[in-house]
Protein backbone atom coordinates (compact mmCIF):
# COMPACT_ATOMS: atom_id res chain seq x y z
CA MET A 1 28.87 -13.21 21.68
CA PRO A 2 28.93 -14.73 18.16
CA LYS A 3 27.03 -12.70 15.56
CA SER A 4 24.68 -15.59 14.81
CA ASP A 5 23.54 -15.69 18.44
CA GLU A 6 23.00 -11.94 18.49
CA TYR A 7 21.02 -12.10 15.27
CA PHE A 8 18.85 -14.91 16.66
CA LYS A 9 18.00 -12.87 19.76
CA ILE A 10 17.01 -9.90 17.60
CA PHE A 11 14.76 -12.06 15.42
CA SER A 12 13.09 -13.52 18.48
CA LYS A 13 12.43 -10.06 19.87
CA ILE A 14 10.97 -8.76 16.60
CA SER A 15 8.85 -11.90 16.06
CA LYS A 16 7.32 -11.54 19.52
CA SER A 17 6.61 -7.89 18.81
CA ILE A 18 4.83 -8.77 15.55
CA GLN A 19 2.72 -11.40 17.30
CA SER A 20 1.73 -9.18 20.21
CA SER A 21 1.23 -5.81 18.48
CA SER A 22 -0.60 -4.45 15.44
CA ASP A 23 1.23 -1.11 15.68
CA ARG A 24 3.11 -1.06 12.38
CA GLU A 25 5.15 2.05 13.22
CA GLU A 26 6.34 0.55 16.51
CA ILE A 27 7.53 -2.68 14.85
CA LEU A 28 9.27 -0.96 11.93
CA THR A 29 11.06 1.38 14.33
CA LEU A 30 12.25 -1.67 16.31
CA ILE A 31 13.61 -3.18 13.08
CA VAL A 32 15.68 -0.14 12.05
CA GLU A 33 16.98 0.36 15.60
CA SER A 34 17.95 -3.31 15.84
CA ALA A 35 19.80 -3.12 12.52
CA VAL A 36 21.88 -0.13 13.65
CA GLU A 37 22.69 -1.66 17.02
CA SER A 38 23.57 -5.16 15.84
CA MET A 39 25.50 -4.10 12.72
CA ASN A 40 27.36 -1.17 14.33
CA ALA A 41 26.02 1.29 11.76
CA LYS A 42 25.40 5.02 11.68
CA ALA A 43 21.75 4.85 10.62
CA CYS A 44 19.02 2.76 9.09
CA SER A 45 15.82 3.65 7.25
CA LEU A 46 12.88 1.76 5.83
CA PHE A 47 11.26 3.32 2.78
CA LEU A 48 7.99 2.14 1.26
CA ILE A 49 6.68 2.71 -2.24
CA ARG A 50 3.92 5.26 -1.92
CA SER A 51 1.38 3.15 -3.79
CA ARG A 52 1.46 -0.10 -5.71
CA SER A 53 -0.76 1.55 -8.28
CA ASP A 54 1.27 4.79 -8.44
CA ASN A 55 2.93 5.05 -11.86
CA ASP A 56 5.98 6.87 -10.43
CA GLY A 57 6.27 4.56 -7.41
CA LEU A 58 8.16 7.08 -5.27
CA PHE A 59 9.52 6.18 -1.84
CA TYR A 60 8.37 7.65 1.45
CA PRO A 61 10.07 7.09 4.85
CA ALA A 62 8.13 4.65 7.07
CA ALA A 63 10.76 4.36 9.85
CA GLN A 64 14.28 5.63 10.40
CA VAL A 65 16.95 6.18 13.03
CA GLY A 66 20.16 8.20 12.86
CA LEU A 67 19.37 10.45 9.89
CA SER A 68 18.45 14.13 9.79
CA GLU A 69 15.06 15.28 8.53
CA SER A 70 16.74 17.28 5.77
CA TYR A 71 18.45 14.15 4.44
CA ILE A 72 15.36 11.94 4.67
CA HIS A 73 13.46 14.44 2.50
CA SER A 74 16.39 15.39 0.27
CA GLY A 75 14.67 14.12 -2.85
CA PRO A 76 12.33 11.44 -4.20
CA ALA A 77 13.64 8.15 -5.52
CA LYS A 78 12.01 5.80 -7.99
CA GLY A 79 11.03 3.00 -5.65
CA ARG A 80 10.02 0.41 -8.21
CA ASP A 81 13.11 0.94 -10.35
CA ILE A 82 15.42 0.51 -7.37
CA THR A 83 13.72 -2.52 -5.87
CA ARG A 84 13.49 -4.33 -9.23
CA ASP A 85 17.14 -3.56 -9.96
CA ILE A 86 18.20 -4.94 -6.56
CA LEU A 87 16.12 -8.10 -6.97
CA MET A 88 17.60 -8.74 -10.39
CA LYS A 89 21.18 -8.32 -9.16
CA GLY A 90 21.59 -10.74 -6.29
CA GLY A 91 18.95 -9.51 -3.88
CA TYR A 92 20.96 -6.67 -2.30
CA MET A 93 23.05 -3.64 -3.22
CA ALA A 94 26.32 -2.93 -1.39
CA VAL A 95 27.86 0.49 -2.00
CA LYS A 96 31.29 1.17 -0.51
CA ASP A 97 31.40 4.87 -1.43
CA ALA A 98 27.87 6.28 -1.46
CA THR A 99 29.11 9.80 -2.33
CA VAL A 100 30.18 8.87 -5.87
CA ASP A 101 28.58 5.54 -6.80
CA PRO A 102 26.27 6.11 -9.83
CA ARG A 103 23.78 3.49 -8.57
CA VAL A 104 22.56 5.83 -5.83
CA GLU A 105 21.18 9.37 -5.84
CA ASN A 106 21.87 12.59 -3.90
CA HIS A 107 25.66 12.24 -3.60
CA GLN A 108 26.17 15.67 -2.08
CA ALA A 109 23.42 15.11 0.48
CA LYS A 110 25.08 11.82 1.52
CA LYS A 111 28.44 13.52 1.86
CA LYS A 112 26.94 16.30 3.98
CA GLU A 113 25.13 13.72 6.15
CA GLY A 114 28.39 11.87 6.80
CA ILE A 115 27.38 8.70 5.02
CA ALA A 116 30.23 6.56 3.69
CA SER A 117 28.85 3.13 2.79
CA LEU A 118 25.37 1.84 2.09
CA LEU A 119 23.69 -1.57 2.12
CA VAL A 120 20.21 -1.80 0.60
CA VAL A 121 17.79 -4.75 0.50
CA PRO A 122 14.20 -4.99 -0.77
CA VAL A 123 11.14 -5.26 1.49
CA ILE A 124 8.80 -7.93 0.14
CA ALA A 125 5.14 -8.50 0.93
CA GLU A 126 3.19 -11.32 -0.72
CA ARG A 127 6.03 -11.74 -3.27
CA ASP A 128 5.65 -8.11 -4.26
CA PRO A 129 8.46 -5.56 -3.63
CA ILE A 130 6.95 -2.75 -1.57
CA GLY A 131 10.04 -0.85 -0.43
CA ILE A 132 13.65 -1.01 0.75
CA LEU A 133 15.59 -1.28 4.01
CA ALA A 134 18.80 0.79 3.87
CA LEU A 135 21.74 0.63 6.29
CA TYR A 136 24.24 3.52 6.44
CA THR A 137 27.76 3.56 7.89
CA ALA A 138 29.97 6.51 8.79
CA GLU A 139 33.15 4.66 7.78
CA PRO A 140 33.78 2.85 4.47
CA ARG A 141 32.86 -0.81 4.77
CA ASP A 142 32.95 -3.94 2.65
CA PHE A 143 29.72 -5.65 3.64
CA THR A 144 29.81 -9.41 4.07
CA LYS A 145 27.23 -11.82 2.69
CA GLN A 146 26.23 -12.65 6.28
CA GLU A 147 25.46 -8.97 6.91
CA ALA A 148 23.44 -8.75 3.69
CA ASP A 149 21.51 -11.91 4.58
CA PHE A 150 20.79 -10.57 8.06
CA LEU A 151 19.50 -7.26 6.72
CA ARG A 152 17.35 -9.11 4.18
CA ALA A 153 15.89 -11.21 7.00
CA LEU A 154 15.08 -8.02 8.92
CA ALA A 155 13.42 -6.61 5.80
CA ASP A 156 11.34 -9.79 5.54
CA GLN A 157 10.20 -9.21 9.12
CA GLY A 158 9.21 -5.70 8.11
CA GLY A 159 7.16 -7.09 5.22
CA ILE A 160 5.38 -9.49 7.59
CA ALA A 161 4.61 -6.67 10.03
CA ILE A 162 3.24 -4.47 7.23
CA MET A 163 0.99 -7.22 5.86
CA LYS A 164 -0.28 -8.09 9.35
CA ALA A 165 -1.11 -4.46 10.06
CA HIS A 166 -2.78 -4.19 6.66
CA SER A 167 -4.81 -7.34 7.32
CA ASP A 168 -5.90 -6.03 10.74
CA TYR A 169 -6.91 -2.72 9.15
CA ARG A 170 -8.91 -4.47 6.42
CA GLN A 171 -10.76 -6.63 8.93
CA LYS A 172 -11.64 -3.59 11.03
CA ARG A 173 -12.69 -1.60 7.96
CA ASN A 174 -14.86 -4.43 6.64
CA LEU A 175 -16.62 -4.96 9.96
CA GLU A 176 -17.25 -1.23 10.36
CA LEU A 177 -18.57 -0.99 6.79
CA LEU A 178 -20.94 -3.94 7.20
CA ALA A 179 -22.16 -2.56 10.53
CA SER A 180 -22.73 0.85 8.95
CA VAL A 181 -24.64 -0.63 6.01
CA SER A 182 -26.83 -2.67 8.38
CA GLU A 183 -27.53 0.48 10.39
CA HIS A 184 -28.59 2.36 7.26
CA LEU A 185 -30.92 -0.48 6.28
CA SER A 186 -32.69 -0.29 9.61
CA SER A 187 -32.70 3.51 9.92
CA SER A 188 -34.90 4.40 6.96
CA LEU A 189 -37.34 2.96 4.43
CA ASP A 190 -36.62 5.78 1.99
CA ILE A 191 -34.74 3.92 -0.76
CA LYS A 192 -32.94 6.99 -2.11
CA ILE A 193 -31.60 7.96 1.32
CA VAL A 194 -30.38 4.42 2.05
CA LEU A 195 -28.66 4.00 -1.32
CA HIS A 196 -26.98 7.42 -1.13
CA LEU A 197 -25.61 6.57 2.32
CA MET A 198 -24.30 3.26 0.98
CA THR A 199 -22.47 4.88 -1.94
CA SER A 200 -20.79 7.45 0.33
CA GLU A 201 -19.75 4.82 2.90
CA ILE A 202 -18.20 2.54 0.26
CA THR A 203 -16.38 5.43 -1.45
CA GLN A 204 -14.77 6.53 1.79
CA ALA A 205 -14.03 3.04 3.14
CA PHE A 206 -12.20 1.94 -0.01
CA ASP A 207 -10.70 5.34 -0.86
CA LEU A 208 -12.44 5.40 -4.24
CA LEU A 209 -13.12 8.18 -6.71
CA GLY A 210 -16.83 7.41 -6.58
CA VAL A 211 -19.65 4.86 -6.52
CA THR A 212 -22.88 4.66 -8.51
CA ILE A 213 -26.05 2.56 -8.30
CA ARG A 214 -28.11 2.05 -11.44
CA LEU A 215 -31.38 0.11 -11.75
CA MET A 216 -32.82 -1.54 -14.83
CA ASP A 217 -35.65 0.16 -16.67
CA GLU A 218 -37.49 -2.81 -18.16
CA ARG A 219 -39.12 -0.71 -20.90
CA SER A 220 -36.03 1.03 -22.28
CA ARG A 221 -33.53 -1.65 -21.19
CA GLU A 222 -31.37 1.16 -19.86
CA LEU A 223 -29.70 1.39 -16.48
CA LYS A 224 -31.06 4.47 -14.73
CA LEU A 225 -28.98 6.28 -12.12
CA VAL A 226 -30.65 6.25 -8.70
CA ALA A 227 -27.73 7.06 -6.35
CA SER A 228 -24.12 8.23 -6.64
CA TYR A 229 -21.26 9.73 -4.68
CA GLY A 230 -17.99 11.39 -5.66
CA LEU A 231 -18.48 11.71 -9.43
CA SER A 232 -19.15 14.89 -11.39
CA GLU A 233 -22.54 15.78 -12.81
CA LYS A 234 -20.94 16.02 -16.25
CA TYR A 235 -19.80 12.42 -16.05
CA LEU A 236 -23.07 11.16 -14.58
CA ASN A 237 -24.97 12.83 -17.43
CA LYS A 238 -22.66 11.50 -20.15
CA GLY A 239 -25.48 9.54 -21.82
CA PRO A 240 -27.64 6.43 -21.55
CA VAL A 241 -26.10 3.25 -20.12
CA CYS A 242 -27.49 0.27 -22.02
CA SER A 243 -27.80 -3.07 -20.29
CA ASP A 244 -26.40 -4.92 -23.31
CA ARG A 245 -22.80 -3.95 -22.45
CA ILE A 246 -22.87 -5.52 -19.00
CA GLN A 247 -24.01 -9.03 -19.83
CA THR A 248 -21.38 -10.39 -17.42
CA VAL A 249 -22.99 -8.51 -14.53
CA LEU A 250 -26.51 -9.43 -15.61
CA LYS A 251 -25.48 -13.08 -15.26
CA ASP A 252 -24.92 -12.30 -11.57
CA LYS A 253 -21.12 -11.99 -11.73
CA ALA A 254 -18.65 -9.20 -11.05
CA GLU A 255 -17.01 -7.28 -13.89
CA VAL A 256 -13.49 -6.08 -12.97
CA ILE A 257 -11.64 -3.65 -15.26
CA ASP A 258 -8.21 -2.82 -13.89
CA ASP A 259 -7.34 -0.26 -16.59
CA VAL A 260 -10.05 1.38 -18.69
CA ALA A 261 -7.45 2.47 -21.25
CA THR A 262 -6.83 -1.15 -22.28
CA TYR A 263 -10.45 -2.31 -22.60
CA ALA A 264 -12.96 -1.77 -25.40
CA ILE A 265 -15.71 -0.17 -23.32
CA ASP A 266 -18.39 2.44 -23.83
CA TYR A 267 -17.73 6.07 -22.85
CA GLN A 268 -13.99 5.40 -22.66
CA ALA A 269 -13.07 9.04 -23.37
CA GLU A 270 -15.55 10.31 -20.75
CA ARG A 271 -14.21 7.86 -18.15
CA LYS A 272 -10.62 8.93 -18.79
CA ALA A 273 -11.63 12.61 -18.61
CA GLU A 274 -13.25 11.93 -15.21
CA GLY A 275 -9.97 10.41 -14.01
CA ILE A 276 -11.28 6.85 -13.83
CA VAL A 277 -8.53 4.24 -14.15
CA SER A 278 -10.00 1.08 -12.61
CA MET A 279 -13.63 0.10 -12.13
CA VAL A 280 -15.77 -2.74 -10.85
CA HIS A 281 -19.40 -3.49 -11.64
CA LEU A 282 -21.38 -5.71 -9.27
CA PRO A 283 -24.91 -7.08 -9.71
CA ILE A 284 -27.78 -5.92 -7.53
CA SER A 285 -30.39 -8.65 -7.35
CA ILE A 286 -33.72 -9.45 -5.72
CA LYS A 287 -34.71 -13.11 -5.31
CA GLY A 288 -32.15 -14.23 -7.88
CA LYS A 289 -33.08 -11.64 -10.52
CA VAL A 290 -30.52 -8.95 -11.40
CA ILE A 291 -32.26 -5.57 -11.25
CA GLY A 292 -29.25 -3.26 -11.54
CA ILE A 293 -25.55 -2.71 -10.93
CA MET A 294 -23.28 -1.04 -8.41
CA GLY A 295 -20.28 0.67 -10.03
CA LEU A 296 -17.07 1.39 -8.13
CA TYR A 297 -14.52 3.74 -9.69
CA SER A 298 -10.89 4.44 -8.76
CA ASP A 299 -8.53 7.14 -10.02
CA THR A 300 -5.53 4.80 -9.63
CA LYS A 301 -4.86 1.34 -10.97
CA ARG A 302 -6.18 -0.94 -8.26
CA VAL A 303 -5.71 -4.62 -7.59
CA ILE A 304 -9.12 -5.84 -6.41
CA SER A 305 -8.74 -8.94 -4.26
CA ASP A 306 -11.24 -11.80 -4.23
CA ASP A 307 -12.00 -10.91 -0.60
CA ASP A 308 -12.87 -7.33 -1.60
CA VAL A 309 -15.12 -8.55 -4.42
CA SER A 310 -16.83 -10.94 -2.00
CA LEU A 311 -17.42 -8.17 0.56
CA LEU A 312 -18.68 -5.67 -2.01
CA SER A 313 -20.92 -8.30 -3.62
CA SER A 314 -22.46 -8.86 -0.20
CA ILE A 315 -23.11 -5.12 0.14
CA ALA A 316 -24.64 -5.06 -3.36
CA ARG A 317 -27.01 -7.79 -2.20
CA GLN A 318 -27.83 -5.58 0.80
CA CYS A 319 -28.76 -2.86 -1.72
CA GLY A 320 -31.18 -5.32 -3.29
CA LEU A 321 -32.63 -5.99 0.15
CA ALA A 322 -33.01 -2.24 0.79
CA ILE A 323 -34.83 -1.81 -2.51
CA GLN A 324 -37.08 -4.78 -1.78
CA ASN A 325 -37.91 -3.49 1.70
CA GLY A 326 -38.62 -0.02 0.34
CA SER A 327 -40.83 -1.44 -2.39
CA LEU A 328 -42.79 -3.53 0.11
CA TYR A 329 -43.23 -0.45 2.30
CA LEU A 330 -44.56 1.58 -0.62
CA GLN A 331 -46.92 -1.27 -1.51
CA LEU A 332 -48.17 -1.41 2.07
CA GLU A 333 -48.70 2.34 2.02
CA GLN A 334 -50.74 2.02 -1.15
CA ASP A 335 -52.74 -0.90 0.28
CA LYS A 336 -53.35 1.12 3.44
CA LYS A 337 -54.56 4.09 1.40
CA ASN A 338 -56.87 1.87 -0.64
CA LEU A 339 -58.26 0.30 2.53
CA GLU A 340 -58.88 3.71 4.11
CA GLU A 341 -60.70 4.88 0.98
CA GLU A 342 -62.79 1.72 0.97
CA ILE A 343 -63.69 2.10 4.67
CA TRP A 344 -64.58 5.76 4.08
CA GLY A 345 -66.84 4.62 1.25
CA HIS A 346 -68.58 2.18 3.61
CA LYS A 347 -69.06 4.96 6.16
CA SER A 348 -70.94 7.01 3.60
CA TRP A 349 -73.59 4.37 3.56
CA PHE A 350 -74.74 5.20 7.09
């Protein structure tokens, strides 16, 4: 069978798997196994960069076949450096002797593992390099351009599978978070309880360092803390937060700061000491009037998507609804008390 026909069958199989399954591990395993089988190789592994926001950008194994555990964990590699270098130099890296070539690491480990040659291509997701797909052979080989193109196509399939799984996860997370917030709104009229539950849910759902909710004090024009989760008491008590600094939020818009070290903001030293790297401030409003802000804080540099801002803005509006409902309840309680006192006064007439 011609190689092109074999490659086509493999692509068809992987594409069907991506369409029918959201199991990322299953699809990535299929990709590395298909690469070994179709390219007559010793092994194949798919490494992902641990975090897009991680300064070191180290690799971790997401799927592999044919390699020992000791080799897979033989030492970290700078994921971003490698993927950028590959992209700049033709889109792939072919290494005939992986035991001596200075472009790769862990020469002795490769020799012990029985690895002769190596072909490496980047894994791309939304135009962003997120990892590598590496093919290993037991015998020295001069890789052809067709082989490199095929492995790159497999890596592209891996990127698609990863993004699909990530999209499915986000949809599930968002639905669960909205359902949880709605449940909190209906479970209690105690504003403090509801807002505390909201801050904890958001922190955990988005893997944040912490979340705060501050409401405007009309007399002092300061933003007073009413609920928080995940942040230290020392940070929370750092000093008054004046409303003047957040004019963007008070105009009913989101304020996104991806790196506090590069912005002229208040309490910059305190934020850095707390471990805050990125933060988002969202308006909390009632009937079109901004009454406070929700602050979200991350200890890594985060890329906040428009979809995330839209979802979190919706939750901030739910906070406004919770505060409004709680205020109405307190007003009704006061009206009820006044009415009871008035009725009791009428009874004294008899």
